[in-house]
Amino acid sequence: MNDRYDAGHGGDHGEQQYEIVGYDEYGRPVYQQVPPQRAPQQQYDPYAQQGYGYDPYATGGQQQPAQPSYDPYGQGAQQGGGAGTAYDPYGRAAASGRQPRVTEQTAYIPQQGGQPGQAEGPRTGRDGGPAGAERSGGDERPYQTTQFAFVEEPDADSEDVIDWLNFTENRTERREEAKRRARSRLVALVVVLALVAVGGVGYLWYAGKLPGVGGSETAKGTTIAASAQNRDVIVVHLHNTSGGGTSTALLVDNTTTKQGTTVLIPNSLALTADDGTTTTLAKSVDDDGSSGTLDALDTVLGTDIEGTWRLDTPYLQNLVDLVGNIEVDTNVSVPDPTAKKKGTAPLVAKGKDQTLSGKTAVAYATYRASGEAQNAQLERFGQVMQGVLRKMSSDAGAATTTVQTLAQILDPSLTDKDLGTFLAKLADLAKSGDYKTALLPVGQDGTLSAEASASVVKDVLGGKAKSPDKDAAVSVSVQNASGTKDNTEKARVVLLNGGFTFLDGGTPAGTQTATKVLYAEAADKENATEVAKTLGLSTSAVTKGTVSASADVAVILGQDYKPSSS
């Protein structure tokens, strides 16, 4: 094996030397070959001293013996077997005999790895000299470039390390992110619970349901606080086109409690007409129509009725037939008005779960037995309405189609779509069992008692019921039996100017000769006397008799009544 740092074989080659010519980009020294010197050529040294070559200042011009040249690697050869010693810059004595020579002829820059086909250059030592200069003796094996692993060389294990570091870092970040999300959710939950608690307390306070905070039942003469619940309300007037008379009910959809209710309103309820006079519900429906009655009901009940549905009996019959009959627990047997013989089966039988068609439903809803109060018939009408709602479609579109099929001319305040959507909501409540029927309690005088009406007016309607005013004007019901239609209006003007409240008692079937002023209670006799004087009548016309529940005094105008005399 040829070692590039060994001297040439045979001694016939000159000794090769290297010198540093620079450094490469890695900071390693770059060498080039120094041409060999021919021995025994003398070196000129103008400063040479005695015994080291030529001395120009030597006396006698004598020539000094030639000395060996400077060898920076300590490999100077002795000429002719002399005993001279070469200079070794590393402090080592040169070995005697022939020294090895380097065979390369060109400079070489060491690389990280040898290239195929290229000769390897000399290795350098720590100080930039040949690597072999640091060793004593020439038998040690020099270093090879393949023995060194450089940082720049790729390492397969480094990818695994990087992947593990990335995995560890991502896992830590995920844990921290999970903790942050948990904290955020906890804070949001606490905020929501706090808002719900505050809202609940606020609602209870507003509704007066907090212990020790809410208002109690009010005494006579004060108003009852309205509920904070939301309600949709429409009024229904059933007109009996064959037998006469009307029946009125409020359909209520409580959107807060999801409760539906039919509130039945007796015809004796006292209302205030547009001209300020007092009238009854039945009279208002006949005279003032839907608009005037709606406003009067809002005033008395403290509600906000959204529309009026006039339902004549023929339309009720068609409605029942459209929904496919209804089932009602009837409380009375309704005779067939067309029956000519006694013992004929009733048109509507009494009992539970009676199936009613359109015709029988109308007969049951309008039936009032002899001697029965109007409230009994009103409750039957409520049963029929609830039965219709149970069979009505809960779909707004289908319910609207049913309403349009009736071909009614509705009140301008209520369109087909509005009525259909409203009935669909009530139908859903009726099918789920969240529907009931309530009767509005009306006093004998037609007014609402705050205590008696609280359960309906406050709880169901969310309105305000007022107790009767102690100082209210005396109400006078006037019936015109004189045969002269204008006498009613003339009497009304006289009574209003006298400070009384006028109630239209209607017109009886026949006439009456003498005018009468009636009172029912002894406490009202004095008021009756004042009424007679105001109308220009004799006090002999005042007598005790029957007076309607909504009036304090009743007047029956006879043929002897002369308005001009009043």
Protein backbone atom coordinates (compact mmCIF):
# COMPACT_ATOMS: atom_id res chain seq x y z
CA MET A 1 0.00 0.00 0.00
CA ASN A 2 1.28 3.34 -0.93
CA ASP A 3 1.10 5.91 1.78
CA ARG A 4 0.92 9.36 0.30
CA TYR A 5 2.97 10.81 3.13
CA ASP A 6 5.85 8.36 2.74
CA ALA A 7 8.99 9.44 0.97
CA GLY A 8 9.68 8.25 -2.53
CA HIS A 9 11.24 4.83 -2.84
CA GLY A 10 14.84 4.28 -3.89
CA GLY A 11 16.28 7.66 -2.82
CA ASP A 12 16.48 8.88 -6.42
CA HIS A 13 13.72 11.42 -5.96
CA GLY A 14 14.16 14.75 -4.36
CA GLU A 15 12.64 15.53 -1.03
CA GLN A 16 9.11 17.09 -1.27
CA GLN A 17 8.04 19.96 0.96
CA TYR A 18 4.67 21.80 1.47
CA GLU A 19 3.85 25.31 2.47
CA ILE A 20 0.58 26.97 3.59
CA VAL A 21 -0.96 29.14 0.86
CA GLY A 22 -4.34 29.96 2.51
CA TYR A 23 -7.45 28.55 4.17
CA ASP A 24 -10.65 27.12 2.70
CA GLU A 25 -14.25 28.01 3.65
CA TYR A 26 -14.12 25.62 6.62
CA GLY A 27 -11.02 27.26 8.12
CA ARG A 28 -8.68 24.45 7.10
CA PRO A 29 -5.17 25.26 5.76
CA VAL A 30 -4.42 24.82 2.07
CA TYR A 31 -0.96 23.60 1.05
CA GLN A 32 1.06 23.59 -2.07
CA GLN A 33 4.18 21.70 -2.93
CA VAL A 34 7.49 23.45 -2.56
CA PRO A 35 9.95 22.56 -5.34
CA PRO A 36 12.82 20.47 -3.99
CA GLN A 37 16.19 22.14 -3.49
CA ARG A 38 19.20 20.77 -5.17
CA ALA A 39 21.90 19.68 -2.78
CA PRO A 40 24.48 20.81 -1.99
CA GLN A 41 23.56 24.26 -3.36
CA GLN A 42 24.40 26.92 -0.94
CA GLN A 43 21.79 29.35 0.31
CA TYR A 44 22.63 32.96 0.26
CA ASP A 45 22.22 34.55 3.63
CA PRO A 46 23.41 38.09 3.99
CA TYR A 47 23.01 37.74 7.74
CA ALA A 48 24.48 34.35 8.07
CA GLN A 49 26.79 33.89 11.04
CA GLN A 50 29.89 31.89 11.41
CA GLY A 51 29.35 28.28 10.69
CA TYR A 52 26.03 28.86 8.85
CA GLY A 53 27.06 29.52 5.29
CA TYR A 54 28.59 32.38 3.43
CA ASP A 55 29.61 35.41 5.44
CA PRO A 56 30.22 38.47 3.29
CA TYR A 57 31.92 40.12 6.14
CA ALA A 58 34.19 37.23 6.92
CA THR A 59 37.89 38.11 6.81
CA GLY A 60 40.08 36.62 4.25
CA GLY A 61 37.12 35.80 2.00
CA GLN A 62 37.06 32.25 3.18
CA GLN A 63 34.02 30.18 2.35
CA GLN A 64 32.18 28.44 5.13
CA PRO A 65 31.18 24.86 4.71
CA ALA A 66 27.67 24.35 3.33
CA GLN A 67 24.95 23.67 5.90
CA PRO A 68 21.77 21.84 5.48
CA SER A 69 18.74 23.90 4.37
CA TYR A 70 15.76 24.69 6.57
CA ASP A 71 13.17 21.95 6.66
CA PRO A 72 9.91 23.09 8.29
CA TYR A 73 8.76 19.46 8.69
CA GLY A 74 12.00 18.21 10.19
CA GLN A 75 12.73 15.90 7.25
CA GLY A 76 15.91 17.51 5.94
CA ALA A 77 18.24 14.97 4.27
CA GLN A 78 21.93 14.83 5.03
CA GLN A 79 24.13 15.25 2.13
CA GLY A 80 26.81 12.67 1.58
CA GLY A 81 26.15 10.91 4.86
CA GLY A 82 27.17 13.96 6.93
CA ALA A 83 26.28 14.22 10.55
CA GLY A 84 24.49 17.57 10.32
CA THR A 85 21.21 17.95 12.18
CA ALA A 86 18.07 19.42 10.47
CA TYR A 87 15.86 21.93 12.17
CA ASP A 88 12.56 20.57 13.41
CA PRO A 89 10.02 23.29 14.20
CA TYR A 90 8.07 20.82 16.46
CA GLY A 91 11.12 20.30 18.68
CA ARG A 92 11.87 16.76 17.53
CA ALA A 93 15.24 15.54 16.40
CA ALA A 94 15.36 14.35 12.84
CA ALA A 95 16.10 10.71 12.40
CA SER A 96 19.23 9.72 10.68
CA GLY A 97 19.17 8.11 7.33
CA ARG A 98 16.90 8.60 4.39
CA GLN A 99 13.58 10.27 5.09
CA PRO A 100 10.36 9.42 3.26
CA ARG A 101 9.22 11.77 0.59
CA VAL A 102 5.70 12.77 -0.38
CA THR A 103 4.79 11.69 -3.87
CA GLU A 104 1.95 14.15 -4.63
CA GLN A 105 2.83 16.97 -6.97
CA THR A 106 -0.23 19.22 -6.61
CA ALA A 107 -1.96 21.04 -3.80
CA TYR A 108 -5.08 19.42 -2.33
CA ILE A 109 -8.03 20.89 -0.39
CA PRO A 110 -9.47 18.34 2.05
CA GLN A 111 -13.24 17.72 1.74
CA GLN A 112 -15.78 16.04 3.97
CA GLY A 113 -15.81 12.92 1.92
CA GLY A 114 -13.52 11.66 -0.80
CA GLN A 115 -14.74 11.81 -4.41
CA PRO A 116 -14.39 8.83 -6.67
CA GLY A 117 -11.39 9.05 -8.93
CA GLN A 118 -9.67 11.75 -6.99
CA ALA A 119 -6.45 11.43 -5.02
CA GLU A 120 -6.65 12.24 -1.40
CA GLY A 121 -4.55 15.17 -0.21
CA PRO A 122 -2.41 15.26 2.86
CA ARG A 123 -4.00 15.45 6.24
CA THR A 124 -3.27 18.45 8.32
CA GLY A 125 -2.38 18.58 11.94
CA ARG A 126 -3.78 20.82 14.64
CA ASP A 127 -1.45 23.71 13.72
CA GLY A 128 -1.96 23.43 10.01
CA GLY A 129 1.04 21.19 9.24
CA PRO A 130 0.89 17.66 7.97
CA ALA A 131 -0.90 15.34 10.26
CA GLY A 132 2.05 12.99 10.50
CA ALA A 133 4.18 15.70 12.06
CA GLU A 134 2.47 15.26 15.41
CA ARG A 135 3.46 11.65 15.74
CA SER A 136 6.84 10.27 16.70
CA GLY A 137 7.96 7.49 14.52
CA GLY A 138 6.80 6.69 11.02
CA ASP A 139 5.13 3.34 11.73
CA GLU A 140 1.79 4.73 13.08
CA ARG A 141 -1.16 4.60 10.68
CA PRO A 142 -2.33 8.08 9.62
CA TYR A 143 -5.98 9.22 9.97
CA GLN A 144 -8.38 8.74 7.04
CA THR A 145 -11.15 11.21 6.12
CA THR A 146 -13.72 8.42 6.32
CA GLN A 147 -13.06 8.13 10.04
CA PHE A 148 -14.68 11.51 10.72
CA ALA A 149 -18.51 12.11 11.00
CA PHE A 150 -19.43 15.67 10.20
CA VAL A 151 -22.42 17.53 11.58
CA GLU A 152 -23.73 18.21 8.10
CA GLU A 153 -24.20 14.49 7.38
CA PRO A 154 -27.90 13.44 7.62
CA ASP A 155 -28.84 11.17 10.43
CA ALA A 156 -31.90 8.90 10.18
CA ASP A 157 -32.48 9.08 13.92
CA SER A 158 -32.80 12.89 13.82
CA GLU A 159 -36.17 12.63 12.02
CA ASP A 160 -37.53 10.41 14.78
CA VAL A 161 -36.33 12.85 17.40
CA ILE A 162 -37.98 15.77 15.60
CA ASP A 163 -41.23 13.82 15.27
CA TRP A 164 -41.21 12.95 18.97
CA LEU A 165 -40.57 16.59 19.93
CA ASN A 166 -43.41 17.76 17.69
CA PHE A 167 -45.75 15.13 19.17
CA THR A 168 -44.86 16.14 22.72
CA GLU A 169 -45.32 19.83 21.94
CA ASN A 170 -48.68 19.30 20.22
CA ARG A 171 -49.92 17.11 23.06
CA THR A 172 -49.05 19.79 25.59
CA GLU A 173 -50.75 22.47 23.51
CA ARG A 174 -53.89 20.34 23.23
CA ARG A 175 -54.02 19.89 26.97
CA GLU A 176 -53.66 23.62 27.54
CA GLU A 177 -56.33 24.36 24.94
CA ALA A 178 -58.71 21.89 26.58
CA LYS A 179 -58.14 23.57 29.94
CA ARG A 180 -58.85 26.99 28.42
CA ARG A 181 -62.06 25.76 26.82
CA ALA A 182 -63.19 24.18 30.08
CA ARG A 183 -62.60 27.44 31.93
CA SER A 184 -64.52 29.40 29.26
CA ARG A 185 -67.47 27.02 29.45
CA LEU A 186 -67.55 27.22 33.22
CA VAL A 187 -67.59 31.01 33.11
CA ALA A 188 -70.35 31.00 30.48
CA LEU A 189 -72.43 28.58 32.55
CA VAL A 190 -72.10 30.73 35.65
CA VAL A 191 -73.15 33.82 33.67
CA VAL A 192 -76.18 32.06 32.20
CA LEU A 193 -77.29 30.76 35.60
CA ALA A 194 -76.93 34.23 37.06
CA LEU A 195 -79.01 35.77 34.28
CA VAL A 196 -81.70 33.11 34.66
CA ALA A 197 -81.84 33.68 38.41
CA VAL A 198 -82.07 37.45 37.98
CA GLY A 199 -84.72 37.09 35.29
CA GLY A 200 -86.77 34.69 37.40
CA VAL A 201 -86.67 36.95 40.43
CA GLY A 202 -87.55 39.92 38.25
CA TYR A 203 -90.53 38.12 36.77
CA LEU A 204 -91.78 37.02 40.18
CA TRP A 205 -91.40 40.57 41.46
CA TYR A 206 -93.22 42.01 38.44
CA ALA A 207 -96.02 39.48 38.76
CA GLY A 208 -96.27 40.15 42.50
CA LYS A 209 -95.47 36.55 43.41
CA LEU A 210 -92.46 37.11 45.63
CA PRO A 211 -93.24 36.32 49.28
CA GLY A 212 -93.80 39.52 51.18
CA VAL A 213 -93.40 41.68 48.08
CA GLY A 214 -96.34 41.10 45.75
CA GLY A 215 -99.63 42.87 46.18
CA SER A 216 -102.47 41.10 47.93
CA GLU A 217 -106.05 40.87 46.76
CA THR A 218 -107.32 44.38 46.51
CA ALA A 219 -110.18 45.69 48.48
CA LYS A 220 -113.35 47.18 47.10
CA GLY A 221 -112.77 50.32 45.08
CA THR A 222 -109.24 49.48 43.90
CA THR A 223 -107.88 47.76 40.80
CA ILE A 224 -106.26 44.33 40.55
CA ALA A 225 -102.76 44.28 39.08
CA ALA A 226 -102.55 42.81 35.56
CA SER A 227 -100.53 39.67 34.95
CA ALA A 228 -97.29 39.83 33.01
CA GLN A 229 -98.28 36.91 30.78
CA ASN A 230 -98.80 37.35 27.04
CA ARG A 231 -102.23 36.60 25.56
CA ASP A 232 -103.96 36.69 22.19
CA VAL A 233 -107.71 37.35 22.47
CA ILE A 234 -110.59 37.55 20.00
CA VAL A 235 -114.32 37.91 20.70
CA VAL A 236 -116.95 35.62 19.13
CA HIS A 237 -120.60 36.64 18.74
CA LEU A 238 -122.99 33.79 17.91
CA HIS A 239 -126.10 35.19 16.23
CA ASN A 240 -129.17 32.93 16.31
CA THR A 241 -130.71 33.77 12.98
CA SER A 242 -133.79 31.62 13.56
CA GLY A 243 -134.71 32.16 17.21
CA GLY A 244 -133.06 35.53 17.84
CA GLY A 245 -130.58 36.55 20.46
CA THR A 246 -126.82 36.47 20.69
CA SER A 247 -124.18 34.67 22.71
CA THR A 248 -120.71 36.10 23.35
CA ALA A 249 -117.44 34.46 24.30
CA LEU A 250 -113.76 35.39 24.38
CA LEU A 251 -111.22 32.95 22.91
CA VAL A 252 -107.93 33.33 24.80
CA ASP A 253 -104.53 31.92 23.84
CA ASN A 254 -102.06 32.38 26.69
CA THR A 255 -98.73 32.09 24.87
CA THR A 256 -96.77 32.23 28.13
CA THR A 257 -98.43 29.36 30.00
CA LYS A 258 -99.54 27.50 26.82
CA GLN A 259 -103.13 27.50 28.05
CA GLY A 260 -106.27 28.08 25.99
CA THR A 261 -109.56 29.29 27.47
CA THR A 262 -113.09 30.14 26.35
CA VAL A 263 -114.46 32.92 28.56
CA LEU A 264 -118.25 33.08 28.44
CA ILE A 265 -119.72 36.57 28.91
CA PRO A 266 -123.33 36.92 30.05
CA ASN A 267 -125.58 39.25 28.09
CA SER A 268 -126.39 41.16 31.27
CA LEU A 269 -122.88 42.61 31.51
CA ALA A 270 -123.16 46.38 31.74
CA LEU A 271 -121.15 48.31 29.15
CA THR A 272 -120.63 51.95 28.37
CA ALA A 273 -121.74 52.99 24.91
CA ASP A 274 -119.93 55.48 22.70
CA ASP A 275 -122.29 58.28 23.73
CA GLY A 276 -121.49 57.66 27.41
CA THR A 277 -124.72 55.87 28.24
CA THR A 278 -124.79 52.52 29.98
CA THR A 279 -126.09 49.55 28.07
CA THR A 280 -125.99 45.78 28.24
CA LEU A 281 -123.80 43.43 26.21
CA ALA A 282 -126.78 42.02 24.32
CA LYS A 283 -128.02 45.50 23.42
CA SER A 284 -124.54 46.63 22.41
CA VAL A 285 -124.11 43.71 20.01
CA ASP A 286 -127.45 44.51 18.35
CA ASP A 287 -127.04 48.28 18.22
CA ASP A 288 -123.35 49.16 18.22
CA GLY A 289 -122.12 46.18 16.25
CA SER A 290 -118.71 44.54 16.54
CA SER A 291 -116.52 47.62 16.73
CA GLY A 292 -118.42 49.41 19.47
CA THR A 293 -118.84 46.26 21.53
CA LEU A 294 -115.16 45.38 21.27
CA ASP A 295 -114.12 48.77 22.61
CA ALA A 296 -116.70 48.60 25.40
CA LEU A 297 -115.44 45.15 26.47
CA ASP A 298 -111.85 46.37 26.51
CA THR A 299 -112.90 49.22 28.76
CA VAL A 300 -114.76 47.05 31.24
CA LEU A 301 -112.33 44.09 31.32
CA GLY A 302 -109.08 45.97 30.83
CA THR A 303 -108.12 43.65 27.99
CA ASP A 304 -106.74 44.14 24.49
CA ILE A 305 -109.06 42.24 22.15
CA GLU A 306 -107.48 41.87 18.72
CA GLY A 307 -110.55 41.16 16.56
CA THR A 308 -114.21 40.18 16.31
CA TRP A 309 -115.58 36.96 14.79
CA ARG A 310 -119.30 37.12 13.98
CA LEU A 311 -120.53 33.55 13.74
CA ASP A 312 -124.12 33.18 12.57
CA THR A 313 -125.80 29.84 13.29
CA PRO A 314 -125.72 28.68 9.63
CA TYR A 315 -121.94 29.16 9.57
CA LEU A 316 -121.59 27.30 12.87
CA GLN A 317 -123.51 24.40 11.33
CA ASN A 318 -121.21 24.38 8.29
CA LEU A 319 -118.12 24.60 10.49
CA VAL A 320 -119.11 21.52 12.50
CA ASP A 321 -119.80 19.61 9.30
CA LEU A 322 -116.41 20.64 7.84
CA VAL A 323 -114.45 19.36 10.85
CA GLY A 324 -116.36 16.07 10.77
CA ASN A 325 -118.86 16.31 13.65
CA ILE A 326 -117.97 16.83 17.31
CA GLU A 327 -118.29 14.92 20.59
CA VAL A 328 -119.89 16.69 23.56
CA ASP A 329 -121.02 15.65 27.04
CA THR A 330 -124.55 17.03 26.80
CA ASN A 331 -126.31 18.12 30.01
CA VAL A 332 -129.83 18.30 28.63
CA SER A 333 -132.03 16.68 26.03
CA VAL A 334 -132.97 19.00 23.22
CA PRO A 335 -136.38 18.32 21.70
CA ASP A 336 -136.87 18.23 17.97
CA PRO A 337 -138.68 21.44 17.01
CA THR A 338 -140.15 19.75 13.92
CA ALA A 339 -141.73 16.90 15.90
CA LYS A 340 -145.52 16.87 15.73
CA LYS A 341 -146.22 14.03 18.10
CA LYS A 342 -145.39 13.64 21.75
CA GLY A 343 -142.90 10.98 22.64
CA THR A 344 -140.77 11.70 19.61
CA ALA A 345 -137.07 11.07 20.19
CA PRO A 346 -135.18 14.25 21.10
CA LEU A 347 -132.97 15.90 18.55
CA VAL A 348 -130.05 15.80 21.02
CA ALA A 349 -129.92 13.18 23.73
CA LYS A 350 -128.46 13.78 27.14
CA GLY A 351 -125.28 11.89 27.96
CA LYS A 352 -121.54 11.59 27.62
CA ASP A 353 -119.66 11.66 24.34
CA GLN A 354 -122.67 12.50 22.24
CA THR A 355 -121.79 12.91 18.57
CA LEU A 356 -123.27 16.10 17.17
CA SER A 357 -123.59 17.03 13.54
CA GLY A 358 -123.79 20.58 12.35
CA LYS A 359 -127.55 20.76 12.82
CA THR A 360 -127.66 19.16 16.26
CA ALA A 361 -124.67 21.19 17.42
CA VAL A 362 -126.49 24.44 16.59
CA ALA A 363 -129.63 23.19 18.34
CA TYR A 364 -127.67 22.31 21.48
CA ALA A 365 -125.64 25.56 21.49
CA THR A 366 -128.73 27.76 21.28
CA TYR A 367 -131.13 25.75 23.44
CA ARG A 368 -132.54 27.44 26.54
CA ALA A 369 -135.16 25.58 28.49
CA SER A 370 -138.15 27.33 29.96
CA GLY A 371 -137.23 29.12 33.17
CA GLU A 372 -133.46 28.64 32.63
CA ALA A 373 -131.01 31.48 33.07
CA GLN A 374 -129.15 32.70 30.06
CA ASN A 375 -125.91 31.39 31.55
CA ALA A 376 -127.09 27.78 31.09
CA GLN A 377 -127.46 28.29 27.34
CA LEU A 378 -124.15 30.16 27.29
CA GLU A 379 -122.33 27.19 28.82
CA ARG A 380 -123.70 24.90 26.08
CA PHE A 381 -122.36 27.25 23.47
CA GLY A 382 -118.95 27.01 25.18
CA GLN A 383 -119.09 23.19 25.01
CA VAL A 384 -119.74 23.30 21.29
CA MET A 385 -116.90 25.74 20.66
CA GLN A 386 -114.42 23.56 22.56
CA GLY A 387 -115.63 20.50 20.66
CA VAL A 388 -115.04 22.30 17.36
CA LEU A 389 -111.50 23.27 18.39
CA ARG A 390 -110.68 19.66 19.27
CA LYS A 391 -111.58 18.64 15.72
CA MET A 392 -110.01 21.63 13.98
CA SER A 393 -106.66 21.11 12.27
CA SER A 394 -103.59 22.25 14.20
CA ASP A 395 -101.94 23.27 10.93
CA ALA A 396 -102.33 26.97 10.25
CA GLY A 397 -102.69 26.47 6.50
CA ALA A 398 -105.36 23.78 6.83
CA ALA A 399 -107.28 25.79 9.44
CA THR A 400 -107.18 28.85 7.19
CA THR A 401 -108.58 26.78 4.33
CA THR A 402 -111.45 25.69 6.59
CA VAL A 403 -112.24 29.30 7.48
CA GLN A 404 -112.13 30.32 3.81
CA THR A 405 -114.47 27.46 2.91
CA LEU A 406 -117.11 28.98 5.19
CA ALA A 407 -117.22 31.98 2.83
CA GLN A 408 -117.97 34.37 5.67
CA ILE A 409 -117.71 38.11 5.40
CA LEU A 410 -115.45 38.71 8.35
CA ASP A 411 -114.96 41.85 10.34
CA PRO A 412 -112.20 44.07 8.87
CA SER A 413 -110.20 43.64 12.08
CA LEU A 414 -109.80 39.89 11.42
CA THR A 415 -108.63 38.34 8.13
CA ASP A 416 -109.05 34.73 7.02
CA LYS A 417 -105.38 34.00 7.62
CA ASP A 418 -105.36 35.62 11.06
CA LEU A 419 -108.45 33.71 12.17
CA GLY A 420 -107.19 30.40 10.74
CA THR A 421 -103.77 30.74 12.40
CA PHE A 422 -105.36 31.68 15.72
CA LEU A 423 -107.80 28.76 15.66
CA ALA A 424 -105.00 26.33 14.76
CA LYS A 425 -103.08 27.33 17.90
CA LEU A 426 -106.17 26.88 20.07
CA ALA A 427 -106.86 23.53 18.38
CA ASP A 428 -103.42 22.30 19.34
CA LEU A 429 -104.03 23.27 22.97
CA ALA A 430 -107.49 21.68 22.98
CA LYS A 431 -106.12 18.37 21.64
CA SER A 432 -103.37 18.25 24.26
CA GLY A 433 -105.82 18.90 27.11
CA ASP A 434 -104.56 22.41 27.84
CA TYR A 435 -107.93 24.04 27.26
CA LYS A 436 -110.79 25.00 29.56
CA THR A 437 -114.02 27.02 29.65
CA ALA A 438 -114.74 29.70 32.27
CA LEU A 439 -117.83 31.80 32.94
CA LEU A 440 -117.35 35.47 33.73
CA PRO A 441 -119.19 36.18 37.01
CA VAL A 442 -121.47 39.18 36.59
CA GLY A 443 -123.39 40.75 39.44
CA GLN A 444 -127.15 41.24 39.56
CA ASP A 445 -126.69 44.82 38.48
CA GLY A 446 -124.58 43.80 35.47
CA THR A 447 -121.30 45.04 36.93
CA LEU A 448 -118.16 43.14 37.80
CA SER A 449 -117.17 42.54 41.39
CA ALA A 450 -113.41 42.71 41.89
CA GLU A 451 -113.38 39.77 44.26
CA ALA A 452 -115.73 37.59 42.20
CA SER A 453 -114.08 38.40 38.87
CA ALA A 454 -110.45 38.14 39.97
CA SER A 455 -110.08 34.49 38.98
CA VAL A 456 -111.21 35.20 35.41
CA VAL A 457 -110.37 38.81 34.72
CA LYS A 458 -106.94 38.76 36.35
CA ASP A 459 -105.78 35.16 35.93
CA VAL A 460 -107.32 34.29 32.56
CA LEU A 461 -107.64 37.63 30.78
CA GLY A 462 -104.81 39.44 32.54
CA GLY A 463 -107.04 42.51 32.79
CA LYS A 464 -108.21 44.81 35.51
CA ALA A 465 -111.56 44.38 37.26
CA LYS A 466 -113.05 47.33 39.07
CA SER A 467 -115.39 47.30 42.01
CA PRO A 468 -118.64 49.20 41.59
CA ASP A 469 -118.32 52.89 42.30
CA LYS A 470 -120.14 53.90 45.44
CA ASP A 471 -120.98 57.25 43.96
CA ALA A 472 -122.10 55.91 40.57
CA ALA A 473 -125.16 57.51 39.06
CA VAL A 474 -128.48 55.75 39.41
CA SER A 475 -129.07 53.54 36.42
CA VAL A 476 -132.51 53.66 34.85
CA SER A 477 -133.81 51.07 32.42
CA VAL A 478 -136.43 52.43 30.03
CA GLN A 479 -138.94 50.33 28.09
CA ASN A 480 -141.07 52.08 25.47
CA ALA A 481 -144.62 50.72 25.59
CA SER A 482 -146.20 53.96 24.43
CA GLY A 483 -146.35 52.99 20.80
CA THR A 484 -144.29 56.04 19.83
CA LYS A 485 -140.74 55.16 18.86
CA ASP A 486 -139.25 58.60 19.46
CA ASN A 487 -140.30 58.61 23.10
CA THR A 488 -137.33 56.42 24.01
CA GLU A 489 -134.79 58.93 22.72
CA LYS A 490 -136.59 61.85 24.33
CA ALA A 491 -136.67 60.12 27.70
CA ARG A 492 -132.98 59.27 27.36
CA VAL A 493 -132.04 62.92 26.87
CA VAL A 494 -134.11 64.01 29.87
CA LEU A 495 -132.60 61.37 32.17
CA LEU A 496 -129.01 62.08 31.13
CA ASN A 497 -129.53 65.79 31.71
CA GLY A 498 -130.87 64.90 35.14
CA GLY A 499 -127.68 63.02 36.04
CA PHE A 500 -129.00 59.48 35.67
CA THR A 501 -127.51 56.61 33.74
CA PHE A 502 -129.73 55.48 30.89
CA LEU A 503 -130.26 51.79 30.04
CA ASP A 504 -132.27 50.85 26.99
CA GLY A 505 -134.77 48.21 28.05
CA GLY A 506 -136.08 47.67 24.55
CA THR A 507 -139.65 47.63 23.29
CA PRO A 508 -142.27 45.17 24.61
CA ALA A 509 -144.61 43.31 22.32
CA GLY A 510 -147.68 45.35 23.29
CA THR A 511 -148.53 48.85 24.47
CA GLN A 512 -149.39 50.08 27.96
CA THR A 513 -151.74 52.86 28.95
CA ALA A 514 -150.09 54.27 32.07
CA THR A 515 -146.44 55.02 32.66
CA LYS A 516 -144.87 53.23 35.62
CA VAL A 517 -141.66 53.82 37.60
CA LEU A 518 -140.54 50.65 39.42
CA TYR A 519 -138.03 49.88 42.12
CA ALA A 520 -137.05 46.51 43.60
CA GLU A 521 -135.40 47.48 46.88
CA ALA A 522 -136.77 49.84 49.47
CA ALA A 523 -133.50 51.73 49.39
CA ASP A 524 -134.18 52.62 45.75
CA LYS A 525 -137.66 54.11 46.36
CA GLU A 526 -136.26 57.59 46.80
CA ASN A 527 -134.31 57.25 43.56
CA ALA A 528 -137.45 56.11 41.77
CA THR A 529 -139.30 59.18 43.02
CA GLU A 530 -136.57 61.45 41.65
CA VAL A 531 -136.77 59.68 38.28
CA ALA A 532 -140.52 60.27 38.12
CA LYS A 533 -140.08 63.97 38.85
CA THR A 534 -137.34 64.28 36.22
CA LEU A 535 -139.63 62.76 33.57
CA GLY A 536 -142.51 65.04 34.60
CA LEU A 537 -144.58 62.22 36.04
CA SER A 538 -146.67 62.11 39.15
CA THR A 539 -145.24 60.41 42.19
CA SER A 540 -148.23 58.10 42.06
CA ALA A 541 -146.50 56.38 39.12
CA VAL A 542 -143.81 55.11 41.50
CA THR A 543 -144.42 51.55 42.65
CA LYS A 544 -142.49 48.45 43.72
CA GLY A 545 -141.94 45.88 41.04
CA THR A 546 -139.46 43.82 39.04
CA VAL A 547 -136.27 45.53 37.90
CA SER A 548 -133.54 44.06 35.71
CA ALA A 549 -130.27 43.13 37.36
CA SER A 550 -128.35 45.85 35.58
CA ALA A 551 -130.61 48.74 36.66
CA ASP A 552 -131.60 50.43 39.90
CA VAL A 553 -134.93 51.80 38.61
CA ALA A 554 -137.10 50.69 35.71
CA VAL A 555 -139.41 52.91 33.69
CA ILE A 556 -142.17 51.63 31.42
CA LEU A 557 -143.41 54.42 29.19
CA GLY A 558 -147.12 54.30 28.57
CA GLN A 559 -149.40 56.05 26.17
CA ASP A 560 -149.93 58.80 28.76
CA TYR A 561 -146.30 59.86 28.56
CA LYS A 562 -145.97 63.35 27.10
CA PRO A 563 -142.37 64.33 26.46
CA SER A 564 -143.33 67.94 26.03
CA SER A 565 -144.44 68.06 29.64
CA SER A 566 -141.03 66.99 30.92
